[in-house]
Protein backbone atom coordinates (compact mmCIF):
# COMPACT_ATOMS: atom_id res chain seq x y z
CA MET A 1 89.84 -29.09 183.97
CA ALA A 2 89.95 -28.41 187.69
CA LYS A 3 90.87 -25.13 189.31
CA MET A 4 92.12 -24.51 192.82
CA LYS A 5 90.88 -21.32 194.47
CA VAL A 6 92.38 -19.93 197.67
CA ASP A 7 90.45 -17.46 199.82
CA PHE A 8 93.20 -14.84 200.06
CA GLU A 9 91.98 -13.33 203.36
CA VAL A 10 91.42 -16.68 205.12
CA CYS A 11 94.69 -18.41 204.20
CA LYS A 12 97.42 -18.23 206.90
CA GLY A 13 100.18 -19.58 204.68
CA CYS A 14 100.77 -22.67 206.82
CA ALA A 15 101.92 -24.58 203.69
CA LEU A 16 100.18 -27.85 204.61
CA CYS A 17 98.56 -27.79 201.17
CA THR A 18 101.95 -27.59 199.47
CA THR A 19 102.97 -30.92 200.98
CA ALA A 20 99.62 -32.58 200.25
CA CYS A 21 99.56 -31.86 196.51
CA PRO A 22 100.56 -34.98 194.54
CA LYS A 23 101.49 -32.83 191.51
CA LYS A 24 103.57 -30.38 193.59
CA ILE A 25 101.89 -27.37 191.98
CA VAL A 26 100.85 -25.54 195.16
CA ALA A 27 103.29 -23.01 196.60
CA ILE A 28 103.35 -20.09 198.98
CA SER A 29 103.37 -16.81 197.09
CA HIS A 30 105.87 -14.28 198.41
CA GLU A 31 104.56 -11.36 196.36
CA LYS A 32 101.69 -9.96 198.43
CA LEU A 33 100.57 -10.16 202.07
CA ASN A 34 96.90 -10.48 203.03
CA SER A 35 95.33 -8.14 205.60
CA LYS A 36 96.49 -10.42 208.44
CA GLY A 37 100.10 -10.21 207.26
CA TYR A 38 100.39 -13.71 205.76
CA TYR A 39 101.76 -14.82 202.43
CA THR A 40 99.18 -17.17 200.97
CA ALA A 41 99.07 -20.36 198.94
CA GLU A 42 98.52 -20.41 195.20
CA CYS A 43 98.42 -22.92 192.38
CA ILE A 44 101.43 -22.36 190.13
CA ASP A 45 100.11 -24.48 187.22
CA ASP A 46 96.31 -24.56 186.82
CA ASP A 47 96.57 -26.83 183.77
CA ALA A 48 98.32 -29.53 185.80
CA CYS A 49 95.68 -29.59 188.56
CA ILE A 50 93.85 -32.93 188.62
CA GLY A 51 91.15 -31.80 191.04
CA CYS A 52 92.00 -34.38 193.71
CA ALA A 53 91.23 -31.82 196.48
CA MET A 54 94.04 -33.08 198.70
CA CYS A 55 95.05 -29.46 199.27
CA ALA A 56 91.51 -28.54 200.34
CA MET A 57 91.24 -31.53 202.68
CA MET A 58 94.55 -30.62 204.31
CA CYS A 59 93.69 -26.90 204.86
CA PRO A 60 92.89 -26.33 208.57
CA ASP A 61 91.12 -23.06 207.76
CA CYS A 62 88.98 -24.31 204.83
CA ALA A 63 90.51 -21.59 202.67
CA ILE A 64 90.73 -23.78 199.54
CA THR A 65 88.00 -24.82 197.14
CA ILE A 66 88.28 -26.89 193.99
CA THR A 67 86.11 -26.08 190.98
CA LEU A 68 85.73 -28.72 188.31
CA SER A 69 85.29 -27.98 184.59
CA GLY A 70 81.51 -27.97 184.94
CA GLY A 71 81.71 -25.21 187.55
CA ASP A 72 80.79 -27.43 190.49
CA GLU A 73 82.60 -26.93 193.81
């Protein structure tokens, strides 16, 4: 199983990752702001993530990493 991880302090909430996700499981969280004042991206269904890394490739700030079931990034 793959897991998407967002660096909370690096993400600017540009939402490019939300449009790149083929499963449509990436969304901008409106619960908490980071220290720069941005709402950040999050995966809303970790079990549905296929580990394609489209979100990470689209991120202009390299704030997203994908970890596969073996723990590799």
